[in-house]
Amino acid sequence: MQHDHGLTVTLQPHSPRLQVLVVAGDLDHHTAPRLRAALDELTLASGAGLVIDLSGLTFCDSTGISLLVAAHQRAQDAGAAPALAGLDPDIANVFRIMGLDRLFSSYESREKAVAALQ
């Protein structure tokens, strides 16, 4: 069953201390390299914030989830504060089942995540 709706990853710097990465479409083993490349280009400084806006995410498989976990770990290692925003209820449910809701700070909207990290 093929359903590659593609994946777009857009970096929208909010301020020098806060970056917003907007991820939209299907995040799976085919499209994960696009997100990985974008994450690799991020400069995460100590005290900075990273909001990953997933409100446009339509699908996320285990590859995508492990990539988000790796991104979270990398941000924390750099002393930056990572947060997820706009998780689809179905995807949020998968995160809960996997216990990832305890790992990630998650906000219902990008605005709330930005406000929390500022």
PDB file of N, CA and C in Angstrom:
ATOM      1  N   MET A   1       0.844  -1.188   0.000  1.00  0.00           N
ATOM      2  CA  MET A   1       0.000   0.000   0.000  1.00  0.00           C
ATOM      3  C   MET A   1       0.886   1.248   0.000  1.00  0.00           C
ATOM      4  N   GLN A   2       0.879   1.959  -1.098  1.00  0.00           N
ATOM      5  CA  GLN A   2       1.704   3.153  -1.214  1.00  0.00           C
ATOM      6  C   GLN A   2       0.869   4.386  -0.918  1.00  0.00           C
ATOM      7  N   HIS A   3       1.323   5.195  -0.010  1.00  0.00           N
ATOM      8  CA  HIS A   3       0.637   6.468   0.179  1.00  0.00           C
ATOM      9  C   HIS A   3       1.664   7.523   0.531  1.00  0.00           C
ATOM     10  N   ASP A   4       2.539   7.824  -0.446  1.00  0.00           N
ATOM     11  CA  ASP A   4       3.529   8.843  -0.207  1.00  0.00           C
ATOM     12  C   ASP A   4       2.948  10.192  -0.591  1.00  0.00           C
ATOM     13  N   HIS A   5       2.432  10.895   0.409  1.00  0.00           N
ATOM     14  CA  HIS A   5       1.928  12.242   0.155  1.00  0.00           C
ATOM     15  C   HIS A   5       3.081  13.232   0.216  1.00  0.00           C
ATOM     16  N   GLY A   6       4.284  12.693   0.339  1.00  0.00           N
ATOM     17  CA  GLY A   6       5.430  13.580   0.431  1.00  0.00           C
ATOM     18  C   GLY A   6       5.536  14.183   1.813  1.00  0.00           C
ATOM     19  N   LEU A   7       6.643  14.832   2.035  1.00  0.00           N
ATOM     20  CA  LEU A   7       6.879  15.457   3.323  1.00  0.00           C
ATOM     21  C   LEU A   7       7.560  16.782   3.063  1.00  0.00           C
ATOM     22  N   THR A   8       7.053  17.834   3.686  1.00  0.00           N
ATOM     23  CA  THR A   8       7.747  19.113   3.607  1.00  0.00           C
ATOM     24  C   THR A   8       8.249  19.477   4.994  1.00  0.00           C
ATOM     25  N   VAL A   9       9.460  19.956   5.038  1.00  0.00           N
ATOM     26  CA  VAL A   9      10.075  20.379   6.293  1.00  0.00           C
ATOM     27  C   VAL A   9      10.543  21.814   6.082  1.00  0.00           C
ATOM     28  N   THR A  10       9.984  22.736   6.843  1.00  0.00           N
ATOM     29  CA  THR A  10      10.289  24.153   6.671  1.00  0.00           C
ATOM     30  C   THR A  10      10.779  24.747   7.983  1.00  0.00           C
ATOM     31  N   LEU A  11      11.942  25.380   7.922  1.00  0.00           N
ATOM     32  CA  LEU A  11      12.454  26.033   9.119  1.00  0.00           C
ATOM     33  C   LEU A  11      11.972  27.474   9.133  1.00  0.00           C
ATOM     34  N   GLN A  12      11.299  27.854  10.206  1.00  0.00           N
ATOM     35  CA  GLN A  12      10.811  29.220  10.344  1.00  0.00           C
ATOM     36  C   GLN A  12      11.380  29.795  11.636  1.00  0.00           C
ATOM     37  N   PRO A  13      12.550  30.432  11.568  1.00  0.00           N
ATOM     38  CA  PRO A  13      13.136  30.973  12.793  1.00  0.00           C
ATOM     39  C   PRO A  13      12.185  31.994  13.411  1.00  0.00           C
ATOM     40  N   HIS A  14      11.892  31.815  14.671  1.00  0.00           N
ATOM     41  CA  HIS A  14      10.961  32.698  15.364  1.00  0.00           C
ATOM     42  C   HIS A  14      11.719  33.871  15.967  1.00  0.00           C
ATOM     43  N   SER A  15      12.882  33.571  16.507  1.00  0.00           N
ATOM     44  CA  SER A  15      13.762  34.582  17.101  1.00  0.00           C
ATOM     45  C   SER A  15      15.144  33.936  17.143  1.00  0.00           C
ATOM     46  N   PRO A  16      16.175  34.701  17.462  1.00  0.00           N
ATOM     47  CA  PRO A  16      17.511  34.083  17.526  1.00  0.00           C
ATOM     48  C   PRO A  16      17.578  32.911  18.508  1.00  0.00           C
ATOM     49  N   ARG A  17      16.734  32.924  19.531  1.00  0.00           N
ATOM     50  CA  ARG A  17      16.786  31.870  20.548  1.00  0.00           C
ATOM     51  C   ARG A  17      15.769  30.759  20.320  1.00  0.00           C
ATOM     52  N   LEU A  18      14.906  30.958  19.326  1.00  0.00           N
ATOM     53  CA  LEU A  18      13.824  29.992  19.155  1.00  0.00           C
ATOM     54  C   LEU A  18      13.613  29.665  17.679  1.00  0.00           C
ATOM     55  N   GLN A  19      13.711  28.387  17.361  1.00  0.00           N
ATOM     56  CA  GLN A  19      13.497  27.955  15.987  1.00  0.00           C
ATOM     57  C   GLN A  19      12.245  27.093  15.914  1.00  0.00           C
ATOM     58  N   VAL A  20      11.518  27.269  14.832  1.00  0.00           N
ATOM     59  CA  VAL A  20      10.318  26.464  14.615  1.00  0.00           C
ATOM     60  C   VAL A  20      10.528  25.650  13.346  1.00  0.00           C
ATOM     61  N   LEU A  21      10.386  24.344  13.484  1.00  0.00           N
ATOM     62  CA  LEU A  21      10.517  23.446  12.344  1.00  0.00           C
ATOM     63  C   LEU A  21       9.122  22.910  12.033  1.00  0.00           C
ATOM     64  N   VAL A  22       8.611  23.258  10.846  1.00  0.00           N
ATOM     65  CA  VAL A  22       7.260  22.839  10.476  1.00  0.00           C
ATOM     66  C   VAL A  22       7.352  21.587   9.613  1.00  0.00           C
ATOM     67  N   VAL A  23       6.735  20.510  10.104  1.00  0.00           N
ATOM     68  CA  VAL A  23       6.789  19.225   9.413  1.00  0.00           C
ATOM     69  C   VAL A  23       5.376  18.880   8.950  1.00  0.00           C
ATOM     70  N   ALA A  24       5.206  18.695   7.639  1.00  0.00           N
ATOM     71  CA  ALA A  24       3.865  18.412   7.116  1.00  0.00           C
ATOM     72  C   ALA A  24       3.916  17.266   6.109  1.00  0.00           C
ATOM     73  N   GLY A  25       2.861  16.448   6.130  1.00  0.00           N
ATOM     74  CA  GLY A  25       2.778  15.328   5.200  1.00  0.00           C
ATOM     75  C   GLY A  25       2.994  14.009   5.910  1.00  0.00           C
ATOM     76  N   ASP A  26       3.523  13.044   5.195  1.00  0.00           N
ATOM     77  CA  ASP A  26       3.751  11.700   5.726  1.00  0.00           C
ATOM     78  C   ASP A  26       5.201  11.534   6.163  1.00  0.00           C
ATOM     79  N   LEU A  27       5.381  11.204   7.424  1.00  0.00           N
ATOM     80  CA  LEU A  27       6.721  10.951   7.939  1.00  0.00           C
ATOM     81  C   LEU A  27       6.880   9.438   8.087  1.00  0.00           C
ATOM     82  N   ASP A  28       7.631   8.839   7.156  1.00  0.00           N
ATOM     83  CA  ASP A  28       7.843   7.395   7.203  1.00  0.00           C
ATOM     84  C   ASP A  28       9.262   7.087   6.742  1.00  0.00           C
ATOM     85  N   HIS A  29       9.565   5.817   6.521  1.00  0.00           N
ATOM     86  CA  HIS A  29      10.954   5.477   6.190  1.00  0.00           C
ATOM     87  C   HIS A  29      11.393   6.049   4.844  1.00  0.00           C
ATOM     88  N   HIS A  30      10.435   6.387   3.962  1.00  0.00           N
ATOM     89  CA  HIS A  30      10.798   7.006   2.681  1.00  0.00           C
ATOM     90  C   HIS A  30      11.163   8.477   2.845  1.00  0.00           C
ATOM     91  N   THR A  31      10.428   9.170   3.718  1.00  0.00           N
ATOM     92  CA  THR A  31      10.572  10.628   3.804  1.00  0.00           C
ATOM     93  C   THR A  31      11.427  11.073   4.998  1.00  0.00           C
ATOM     94  N   ALA A  32      11.708  10.158   5.927  1.00  0.00           N
ATOM     95  CA  ALA A  32      12.480  10.507   7.124  1.00  0.00           C
ATOM     96  C   ALA A  32      13.817  11.193   6.808  1.00  0.00           C
ATOM     97  N   PRO A  33      14.538  10.793   5.735  1.00  0.00           N
ATOM     98  CA  PRO A  33      15.816  11.467   5.452  1.00  0.00           C
ATOM     99  C   PRO A  33      15.668  12.977   5.264  1.00  0.00           C
ATOM    100  N   ARG A  34      14.509  13.425   4.763  1.00  0.00           N
ATOM    101  CA  ARG A  34      14.294  14.866   4.589  1.00  0.00           C
ATOM    102  C   ARG A  34      14.281  15.574   5.932  1.00  0.00           C
ATOM    103  N   LEU A  35      13.605  14.971   6.903  1.00  0.00           N
ATOM    104  CA  LEU A  35      13.554  15.574   8.244  1.00  0.00           C
ATOM    105  C   LEU A  35      14.925  15.468   8.901  1.00  0.00           C
ATOM    106  N   ARG A  36      15.595  14.332   8.712  1.00  0.00           N
ATOM    107  CA  ARG A  36      16.910  14.148   9.314  1.00  0.00           C
ATOM    108  C   ARG A  36      17.884  15.212   8.797  1.00  0.00           C
ATOM    109  N   ALA A  37      17.837  15.473   7.492  1.00  0.00           N
ATOM    110  CA  ALA A  37      18.722  16.478   6.892  1.00  0.00           C
ATOM    111  C   ALA A  37      18.446  17.863   7.471  1.00  0.00           C
ATOM    112  N   ALA A  38      17.166  18.188   7.632  1.00  0.00           N
ATOM    113  CA  ALA A  38      16.794  19.497   8.194  1.00  0.00           C
ATOM    114  C   ALA A  38      17.261  19.615   9.640  1.00  0.00           C
ATOM    115  N   LEU A  39      17.116  18.531  10.401  1.00  0.00           N
ATOM    116  CA  LEU A  39      17.536  18.545  11.804  1.00  0.00           C
ATOM    117  C   LEU A  39      19.052  18.679  11.911  1.00  0.00           C
ATOM    118  N   ASP A  40      19.763  18.036  10.977  1.00  0.00           N
ATOM    119  CA  ASP A  40      21.222  18.094  10.995  1.00  0.00           C
ATOM    120  C   ASP A  40      21.729  19.508  10.736  1.00  0.00           C
ATOM    121  N   GLU A  41      20.934  20.303  10.008  1.00  0.00           N
ATOM    122  CA  GLU A  41      21.350  21.662   9.680  1.00  0.00           C
ATOM    123  C   GLU A  41      21.059  22.659  10.808  1.00  0.00           C
ATOM    124  N   LEU A  42      20.247  22.235  11.762  1.00  0.00           N
ATOM    125  CA  LEU A  42      19.892  23.137  12.859  1.00  0.00           C
ATOM    126  C   LEU A  42      21.089  23.394  13.765  1.00  0.00           C
ATOM    127  N   THR A  43      21.225  24.635  14.173  1.00  0.00           N
ATOM    128  CA  THR A  43      22.214  24.952  15.188  1.00  0.00           C
ATOM    129  C   THR A  43      21.457  25.113  16.504  1.00  0.00           C
ATOM    130  N   LEU A  44      21.695  24.201  17.409  1.00  0.00           N
ATOM    131  CA  LEU A  44      20.996  24.241  18.685  1.00  0.00           C
ATOM    132  C   LEU A  44      21.963  24.717  19.769  1.00  0.00           C
ATOM    133  N   ALA A  45      21.731  25.922  20.260  1.00  0.00           N
ATOM    134  CA  ALA A  45      22.599  26.474  21.297  1.00  0.00           C
ATOM    135  C   ALA A  45      21.986  26.233  22.666  1.00  0.00           C
ATOM    136  N   SER A  46      22.827  26.241  23.660  1.00  0.00           N
ATOM    137  CA  SER A  46      22.358  26.084  25.031  1.00  0.00           C
ATOM    138  C   SER A  46      21.394  27.219  25.374  1.00  0.00           C
ATOM    139  N   GLY A  47      20.264  26.865  25.943  1.00  0.00           N
ATOM    140  CA  GLY A  47      19.269  27.866  26.308  1.00  0.00           C
ATOM    141  C   GLY A  47      18.317  28.216  25.181  1.00  0.00           C
ATOM    142  N   ALA A  48      18.557  27.656  24.005  1.00  0.00           N
ATOM    143  CA  ALA A  48      17.667  27.925  22.873  1.00  0.00           C
ATOM    144  C   ALA A  48      16.452  26.996  22.933  1.00  0.00           C
ATOM    145  N   GLY A  49      15.456  27.296  22.121  1.00  0.00           N
ATOM    146  CA  GLY A  49      14.267  26.454  22.066  1.00  0.00           C
ATOM    147  C   GLY A  49      14.039  25.955  20.656  1.00  0.00           C
ATOM    148  N   LEU A  50      13.504  24.751  20.551  1.00  0.00           N
ATOM    149  CA  LEU A  50      13.150  24.180  19.254  1.00  0.00           C
ATOM    150  C   LEU A  50      11.722  23.671  19.321  1.00  0.00           C
ATOM    151  N   VAL A  51      10.855  24.283  18.519  1.00  0.00           N
ATOM    152  CA  VAL A  51       9.479  23.807  18.426  1.00  0.00           C
ATOM    153  C   VAL A  51       9.358  23.027  17.121  1.00  0.00           C
ATOM    154  N   ILE A  52       8.930  21.772  17.225  1.00  0.00           N
ATOM    155  CA  ILE A  52       8.656  20.982  16.020  1.00  0.00           C
ATOM    156  C   ILE A  52       7.146  20.982  15.849  1.00  0.00           C
ATOM    157  N   ASP A  53       6.694  21.736  14.841  1.00  0.00           N
ATOM    158  CA  ASP A  53       5.256  21.895  14.594  1.00  0.00           C
ATOM    159  C   ASP A  53       4.782  20.756  13.704  1.00  0.00           C
ATOM    160  N   LEU A  54       3.980  19.858  14.300  1.00  0.00           N
ATOM    161  CA  LEU A  54       3.512  18.668  13.590  1.00  0.00           C
ATOM    162  C   LEU A  54       2.035  18.766  13.217  1.00  0.00           C
ATOM    163  N   SER A  55       1.498  19.993  13.228  1.00  0.00           N
ATOM    164  CA  SER A  55       0.056  20.119  12.969  1.00  0.00           C
ATOM    165  C   SER A  55      -0.305  19.710  11.544  1.00  0.00           C
ATOM    166  N   GLY A  56       0.688  19.710  10.634  1.00  0.00           N
ATOM    167  CA  GLY A  56       0.412  19.297   9.257  1.00  0.00           C
ATOM    168  C   GLY A  56       0.795  17.852   8.982  1.00  0.00           C
ATOM    169  N   LEU A  57       1.184  17.144  10.040  1.00  0.00           N
ATOM    170  CA  LEU A  57       1.612  15.748   9.876  1.00  0.00           C
ATOM    171  C   LEU A  57       0.395  14.852   9.678  1.00  0.00           C
ATOM    172  N   THR A  58       0.398  14.072   8.590  1.00  0.00           N
ATOM    173  CA  THR A  58      -0.755  13.223   8.307  1.00  0.00           C
ATOM    174  C   THR A  58      -0.498  11.758   8.658  1.00  0.00           C
ATOM    175  N   PHE A  59       0.772  11.395   8.770  1.00  0.00           N
ATOM    176  CA  PHE A  59       1.113  10.003   9.044  1.00  0.00           C
ATOM    177  C   PHE A  59       2.506   9.957   9.656  1.00  0.00           C
ATOM    178  N   CYS A  60       2.696   9.073  10.621  1.00  0.00           N
ATOM    179  CA  CYS A  60       4.013   8.934  11.232  1.00  0.00           C
ATOM    180  C   CYS A  60       4.226   7.472  11.596  1.00  0.00           C
ATOM    181  N   ASP A  61       5.259   6.849  11.019  1.00  0.00           N
ATOM    182  CA  ASP A  61       5.522   5.451  11.362  1.00  0.00           C
ATOM    183  C   ASP A  61       6.655   5.380  12.389  1.00  0.00           C
ATOM    184  N   SER A  62       7.112   4.187  12.681  1.00  0.00           N
ATOM    185  CA  SER A  62       8.123   4.022  13.732  1.00  0.00           C
ATOM    186  C   SER A  62       9.436   4.725  13.384  1.00  0.00           C
ATOM    187  N   THR A  63       9.762   4.777  12.085  1.00  0.00           N
ATOM    188  CA  THR A  63      10.977   5.490  11.665  1.00  0.00           C
ATOM    189  C   THR A  63      10.867   6.959  12.041  1.00  0.00           C
ATOM    190  N   GLY A  64       9.701   7.540  11.746  1.00  0.00           N
ATOM    191  CA  GLY A  64       9.460   8.942  12.059  1.00  0.00           C
ATOM    192  C   GLY A  64       9.527   9.200  13.552  1.00  0.00           C
ATOM    193  N   ILE A  65       8.915   8.298  14.314  1.00  0.00           N
ATOM    194  CA  ILE A  65       8.906   8.460  15.769  1.00  0.00           C
ATOM    195  C   ILE A  65      10.324   8.389  16.326  1.00  0.00           C
ATOM    196  N   SER A  66      11.118   7.414  15.847  1.00  0.00           N
ATOM    197  CA  SER A  66      12.481   7.302  16.376  1.00  0.00           C
ATOM    198  C   SER A  66      13.320   8.517  15.993  1.00  0.00           C
ATOM    199  N   LEU A  67      13.023   9.117  14.835  1.00  0.00           N
ATOM    200  CA  LEU A  67      13.733  10.327  14.418  1.00  0.00           C
ATOM    201  C   LEU A  67      13.378  11.507  15.325  1.00  0.00           C
ATOM    202  N   LEU A  68      12.111  11.604  15.692  1.00  0.00           N
ATOM    203  CA  LEU A  68      11.684  12.674  16.602  1.00  0.00           C
ATOM    204  C   LEU A  68      12.331  12.488  17.982  1.00  0.00           C
ATOM    205  N   VAL A  69      12.435  11.229  18.409  1.00  0.00           N
ATOM    206  CA  VAL A  69      13.085  10.945  19.698  1.00  0.00           C
ATOM    207  C   VAL A  69      14.563  11.350  19.627  1.00  0.00           C
ATOM    208  N   ALA A  70      15.218  11.038  18.498  1.00  0.00           N
ATOM    209  CA  ALA A  70      16.626  11.398  18.318  1.00  0.00           C
ATOM    210  C   ALA A  70      16.801  12.915  18.302  1.00  0.00           C
ATOM    211  N   ALA A  71      15.877  13.621  17.669  1.00  0.00           N
ATOM    212  CA  ALA A  71      15.929  15.086  17.601  1.00  0.00           C
ATOM    213  C   ALA A  71      15.790  15.676  19.004  1.00  0.00           C
ATOM    214  N   HIS A  72      14.880  15.099  19.776  1.00  0.00           N
ATOM    215  CA  HIS A  72      14.649  15.529  21.153  1.00  0.00           C
ATOM    216  C   HIS A  72      15.928  15.351  21.974  1.00  0.00           C
ATOM    217  N   GLN A  73      16.553  14.188  21.816  1.00  0.00           N
ATOM    218  CA  GLN A  73      17.772  13.863  22.547  1.00  0.00           C
ATOM    219  C   GLN A  73      18.895  14.837  22.173  1.00  0.00           C
ATOM    220  N   ARG A  74      19.003  15.114  20.867  1.00  0.00           N
ATOM    221  CA  ARG A  74      20.063  16.006  20.400  1.00  0.00           C
ATOM    222  C   ARG A  74      19.883  17.417  20.940  1.00  0.00           C
ATOM    223  N   ALA A  75      18.635  17.872  20.961  1.00  0.00           N
ATOM    224  CA  ALA A  75      18.344  19.208  21.489  1.00  0.00           C
ATOM    225  C   ALA A  75      18.721  19.267  22.968  1.00  0.00           C
ATOM    226  N   GLN A  76      18.325  18.239  23.702  1.00  0.00           N
ATOM    227  CA  GLN A  76      18.634  18.225  25.137  1.00  0.00           C
ATOM    228  C   GLN A  76      20.132  18.153  25.391  1.00  0.00           C
ATOM    229  N   ASP A  77      20.831  17.367  24.577  1.00  0.00           N
ATOM    230  CA  ASP A  77      22.288  17.261  24.718  1.00  0.00           C
ATOM    231  C   ASP A  77      22.957  18.617  24.498  1.00  0.00           C
ATOM    232  N   ALA A  78      22.351  19.432  23.611  1.00  0.00           N
ATOM    233  CA  ALA A  78      22.908  20.752  23.309  1.00  0.00           C
ATOM    234  C   ALA A  78      22.490  21.794  24.353  1.00  0.00           C
ATOM    235  N   GLY A  79      21.637  21.382  25.294  1.00  0.00           N
ATOM    236  CA  GLY A  79      21.148  22.311  26.304  1.00  0.00           C
ATOM    237  C   GLY A  79      19.977  23.140  25.815  1.00  0.00           C
ATOM    238  N   ALA A  80      19.373  22.705  24.695  1.00  0.00           N
ATOM    239  CA  ALA A  80      18.213  23.415  24.151  1.00  0.00           C
ATOM    240  C   ALA A  80      16.937  22.737  24.643  1.00  0.00           C
ATOM    241  N   ALA A  81      15.835  23.494  24.603  1.00  0.00           N
ATOM    242  CA  ALA A  81      14.552  22.950  25.053  1.00  0.00           C
ATOM    243  C   ALA A  81      13.701  22.590  23.836  1.00  0.00           C
ATOM    244  N   PRO A  82      13.456  21.298  23.609  1.00  0.00           N
ATOM    245  CA  PRO A  82      12.622  20.901  22.479  1.00  0.00           C
ATOM    246  C   PRO A  82      11.155  20.753  22.890  1.00  0.00           C
ATOM    247  N   ALA A  83      10.267  21.043  21.959  1.00  0.00           N
ATOM    248  CA  ALA A  83       8.841  20.846  22.220  1.00  0.00           C
ATOM    249  C   ALA A  83       8.146  20.464  20.923  1.00  0.00           C
ATOM    250  N   LEU A  84       7.108  19.662  21.055  1.00  0.00           N
ATOM    251  CA  LEU A  84       6.276  19.305  19.905  1.00  0.00           C
ATOM    252  C   LEU A  84       4.997  20.132  19.964  1.00  0.00           C
ATOM    253  N   ALA A  85       4.470  20.470  18.803  1.00  0.00           N
ATOM    254  CA  ALA A  85       3.224  21.240  18.766  1.00  0.00           C
ATOM    255  C   ALA A  85       2.277  20.647  17.736  1.00  0.00           C
ATOM    256  N   GLY A  86       0.990  20.736  18.038  1.00  0.00           N
ATOM    257  CA  GLY A  86      -0.047  20.401  17.069  1.00  0.00           C
ATOM    258  C   GLY A  86      -0.150  18.945  16.675  1.00  0.00           C
ATOM    259  N   LEU A  87       0.137  18.043  17.602  1.00  0.00           N
ATOM    260  CA  LEU A  87       0.049  16.613  17.277  1.00  0.00           C
ATOM    261  C   LEU A  87      -1.396  16.203  16.971  1.00  0.00           C
ATOM    262  N   ASP A  88      -1.563  15.498  15.875  1.00  0.00           N
ATOM    263  CA  ASP A  88      -2.845  14.901  15.527  1.00  0.00           C
ATOM    264  C   ASP A  88      -3.251  13.940  16.651  1.00  0.00           C
ATOM    265  N   PRO A  89      -4.553  13.898  17.031  1.00  0.00           N
ATOM    266  CA  PRO A  89      -4.972  13.032  18.149  1.00  0.00           C
ATOM    267  C   PRO A  89      -4.571  11.566  17.970  1.00  0.00           C
ATOM    268  N   ASP A  90      -4.648  11.052  16.742  1.00  0.00           N
ATOM    269  CA  ASP A  90      -4.267   9.651  16.505  1.00  0.00           C
ATOM    270  C   ASP A  90      -2.778   9.438  16.746  1.00  0.00           C
ATOM    271  N   ILE A  91      -1.984  10.366  16.268  1.00  0.00           N
ATOM    272  CA  ILE A  91      -0.537  10.257  16.441  1.00  0.00           C
ATOM    273  C   ILE A  91      -0.177  10.475  17.914  1.00  0.00           C
ATOM    274  N   ALA A  92      -0.853  11.426  18.557  1.00  0.00           N
ATOM    275  CA  ALA A  92      -0.632  11.673  19.985  1.00  0.00           C
ATOM    276  C   ALA A  92      -0.945  10.417  20.793  1.00  0.00           C
ATOM    277  N   ASN A  93      -1.965   9.692  20.363  1.00  0.00           N
ATOM    278  CA  ASN A  93      -2.359   8.463  21.035  1.00  0.00           C
ATOM    279  C   ASN A  93      -1.249   7.414  20.934  1.00  0.00           C
ATOM    280  N   VAL A  94      -0.638   7.295  19.754  1.00  0.00           N
ATOM    281  CA  VAL A  94       0.478   6.372  19.568  1.00  0.00           C
ATOM    282  C   VAL A  94       1.628   6.753  20.500  1.00  0.00           C
ATOM    283  N   PHE A  95       1.895   8.064  20.595  1.00  0.00           N
ATOM    284  CA  PHE A  95       2.953   8.544  21.482  1.00  0.00           C
ATOM    285  C   PHE A  95       2.651   8.147  22.928  1.00  0.00           C
ATOM    286  N   ARG A  96       1.357   8.279  23.312  1.00  0.00           N
ATOM    287  CA  ARG A  96       0.966   7.922  24.688  1.00  0.00           C
ATOM    288  C   ARG A  96       1.190   6.444  24.938  1.00  0.00           C
ATOM    289  N   ILE A  97       0.763   5.621  23.986  1.00  0.00           N
ATOM    290  CA  ILE A  97       0.898   4.164  24.124  1.00  0.00           C
ATOM    291  C   ILE A  97       2.372   3.794  24.307  1.00  0.00           C
ATOM    292  N   MET A  98       3.260   4.497  23.580  1.00  0.00           N
ATOM    293  CA  MET A  98       4.687   4.199  23.639  1.00  0.00           C
ATOM    294  C   MET A  98       5.373   4.881  24.822  1.00  0.00           C
ATOM    295  N   GLY A  99       4.610   5.657  25.597  1.00  0.00           N
ATOM    296  CA  GLY A  99       5.182   6.333  26.753  1.00  0.00           C
ATOM    297  C   GLY A  99       5.966   7.579  26.393  1.00  0.00           C
ATOM    298  N   LEU A 100       5.835   8.028  25.135  1.00  0.00           N
ATOM    299  CA  LEU A 100       6.620   9.174  24.688  1.00  0.00           C
ATOM    300  C   LEU A 100       6.033  10.496  25.156  1.00  0.00           C
ATOM    301  N   ASP A 101       4.791  10.460  25.641  1.00  0.00           N
ATOM    302  CA  ASP A 101       4.196  11.705  26.151  1.00  0.00           C
ATOM    303  C   ASP A 101       4.937  12.164  27.407  1.00  0.00           C
ATOM    304  N   ARG A 102       5.651  11.235  28.046  1.00  0.00           N
ATOM    305  CA  ARG A 102       6.437  11.619  29.223  1.00  0.00           C
ATOM    306  C   ARG A 102       7.795  12.186  28.813  1.00  0.00           C
ATOM    307  N   LEU A 103       8.229  11.849  27.610  1.00  0.00           N
ATOM    308  CA  LEU A 103       9.522  12.329  27.109  1.00  0.00           C
ATOM    309  C   LEU A 103       9.399  13.738  26.530  1.00  0.00           C
ATOM    310  N   PHE A 104       8.382  13.922  25.720  1.00  0.00           N
ATOM    311  CA  PHE A 104       8.226  15.184  25.005  1.00  0.00           C
ATOM    312  C   PHE A 104       7.373  16.185  25.767  1.00  0.00           C
ATOM    313  N   SER A 105       7.756  17.449  25.673  1.00  0.00           N
ATOM    314  CA  SER A 105       6.831  18.514  26.053  1.00  0.00           C
ATOM    315  C   SER A 105       5.984  18.741  24.807  1.00  0.00           C
ATOM    316  N   SER A 106       4.679  18.631  24.954  1.00  0.00           N
ATOM    317  CA  SER A 106       3.807  18.730  23.788  1.00  0.00           C
ATOM    318  C   SER A 106       2.729  19.779  24.030  1.00  0.00           C
ATOM    319  N   TYR A 107       2.474  20.592  23.028  1.00  0.00           N
ATOM    320  CA  TYR A 107       1.495  21.672  23.142  1.00  0.00           C
ATOM    321  C   TYR A 107       0.508  21.558  21.993  1.00  0.00           C
ATOM    322  N   GLU A 108      -0.729  22.018  22.230  1.00  0.00           N
ATOM    323  CA  GLU A 108      -1.734  21.816  21.191  1.00  0.00           C
ATOM    324  C   GLU A 108      -1.540  22.718  19.978  1.00  0.00           C
ATOM    325  N   SER A 109      -0.806  23.821  20.162  1.00  0.00           N
ATOM    326  CA  SER A 109      -0.581  24.706  19.016  1.00  0.00           C
ATOM    327  C   SER A 109       0.843  25.243  19.052  1.00  0.00           C
ATOM    328  N   ARG A 110       1.297  25.697  17.895  1.00  0.00           N
ATOM    329  CA  ARG A 110       2.626  26.284  17.794  1.00  0.00           C
ATOM    330  C   ARG A 110       2.735  27.517  18.700  1.00  0.00           C
ATOM    331  N   GLU A 111       1.655  28.311  18.748  1.00  0.00           N
ATOM    332  CA  GLU A 111       1.655  29.530  19.565  1.00  0.00           C
ATOM    333  C   GLU A 111       1.917  29.200  21.036  1.00  0.00           C
ATOM    334  N   LYS A 112       1.231  28.144  21.520  1.00  0.00           N
ATOM    335  CA  LYS A 112       1.400  27.767  22.927  1.00  0.00           C
ATOM    336  C   LYS A 112       2.807  27.263  23.201  1.00  0.00           C
ATOM    337  N   ALA A 113       3.352  26.503  22.259  1.00  0.00           N
ATOM    338  CA  ALA A 113       4.712  25.975  22.424  1.00  0.00           C
ATOM    339  C   ALA A 113       5.716  27.116  22.440  1.00  0.00           C
ATOM    340  N   VAL A 114       5.554  28.061  21.525  1.00  0.00           N
ATOM    341  CA  VAL A 114       6.445  29.225  21.450  1.00  0.00           C
ATOM    342  C   VAL A 114       6.373  30.033  22.747  1.00  0.00           C
ATOM    343  N   ALA A 115       5.157  30.258  23.223  1.00  0.00           N
ATOM    344  CA  ALA A 115       4.974  31.018  24.465  1.00  0.00           C
ATOM    345  C   ALA A 115       5.637  30.308  25.642  1.00  0.00           C
ATOM    346  N   ALA A 116       5.545  28.980  25.663  1.00  0.00           N
ATOM    347  CA  ALA A 116       6.108  28.208  26.779  1.00  0.00           C
ATOM    348  C   ALA A 116       7.630  28.226  26.774  1.00  0.00           C
ATOM    349  N   LEU A 117       8.227  28.290  25.590  1.00  0.00           N
ATOM    350  CA  LEU A 117       9.687  28.204  25.494  1.00  0.00           C
ATOM    351  C   LEU A 117      10.379  29.561  25.547  1.00  0.00           C
ATOM    352  N   GLN A 118       9.617  30.637  25.394  1.00  0.00           N
ATOM    353  CA  GLN A 118      10.254  31.948  25.353  1.00  0.00           C
ATOM    354  C   GLN A 118      10.776  32.376  26.713  1.00  0.00           C
TER     355      GLN A 118
END
